[in-house]
């Protein structure tokens, strides 16, 4: 279970990074901010799964 959630977190981080990069390239501040938000959400999801793994072991 945790592995799939971590992979979702990594995918979300990558998607956010792409969105941020495209937003910067075209000068779209909103897209850049959305990309940063998605990356933060992915980092939070990954941290949550790390904590869950810690308590399982």
Protein backbone atom coordinates (compact mmCIF):
# COMPACT_ATOMS: atom_id res chain seq x y z
CA UNK A 1 0.00 0.00 0.00
CA UNK A 2 2.70 2.43 1.00
CA UNK A 3 4.66 1.82 -2.19
CA UNK A 4 1.78 2.87 -4.40
CA UNK A 5 1.18 6.00 -2.35
CA UNK A 6 4.86 6.90 -2.51
CA UNK A 7 4.85 6.45 -6.27
CA UNK A 8 1.80 8.71 -6.48
CA UNK A 9 3.70 11.27 -4.41
CA UNK A 10 6.69 11.11 -6.74
CA UNK A 11 4.43 11.45 -9.78
CA UNK A 12 2.73 14.44 -8.22
CA UNK A 13 6.09 16.06 -7.50
CA UNK A 14 7.24 15.49 -11.08
CA UNK A 15 3.98 16.84 -12.50
CA UNK A 16 4.32 19.91 -10.32
CA UNK A 17 7.92 20.46 -11.42
CA UNK A 18 6.90 20.29 -15.08
CA UNK A 19 4.02 22.68 -14.50
CA UNK A 20 6.27 25.11 -12.65
CA UNK A 21 8.89 24.99 -15.41
CA UNK A 22 6.33 25.53 -18.17
CA UNK A 23 4.76 28.37 -16.19
CA UNK A 24 8.11 30.09 -15.88
CA UNK A 25 8.90 29.56 -19.56
CA UNK A 26 5.68 31.18 -20.74
CA UNK A 27 5.60 33.79 -17.98
CA UNK A 28 2.43 32.47 -16.37
CA UNK A 29 2.63 33.20 -12.63
CA UNK A 30 -0.52 31.21 -11.83
CA UNK A 31 0.79 28.05 -13.47
CA UNK A 32 4.11 28.47 -11.69
CA UNK A 33 2.34 28.76 -8.34
CA UNK A 34 0.14 25.74 -9.08
CA UNK A 35 3.26 23.73 -9.89
CA UNK A 36 4.88 24.69 -6.62
CA UNK A 37 1.68 23.76 -4.76
CA UNK A 38 1.56 20.33 -6.42
CA UNK A 39 5.18 19.72 -5.49
CA UNK A 40 4.48 20.66 -1.88
CA UNK A 41 1.47 18.35 -1.84
CA UNK A 42 3.63 15.52 -3.19
CA UNK A 43 6.29 16.15 -0.56
CA UNK A 44 3.64 16.13 2.17
CA UNK A 45 2.16 12.86 0.89
CA UNK A 46 5.61 11.27 0.80
CA UNK A 47 6.37 12.46 4.34
CA UNK A 48 3.05 11.06 5.56
CA UNK A 49 3.89 7.67 4.09
CA UNK A 50 7.37 7.74 5.65
CA UNK A 51 5.79 8.39 9.06
CA UNK A 52 3.32 5.56 8.55
CA UNK A 53 6.20 3.23 7.61
CA UNK A 54 8.09 4.25 10.74
CA UNK A 55 5.19 3.28 12.98
CA UNK A 56 4.58 0.00 11.15
CA UNK A 57 8.14 -1.18 11.77
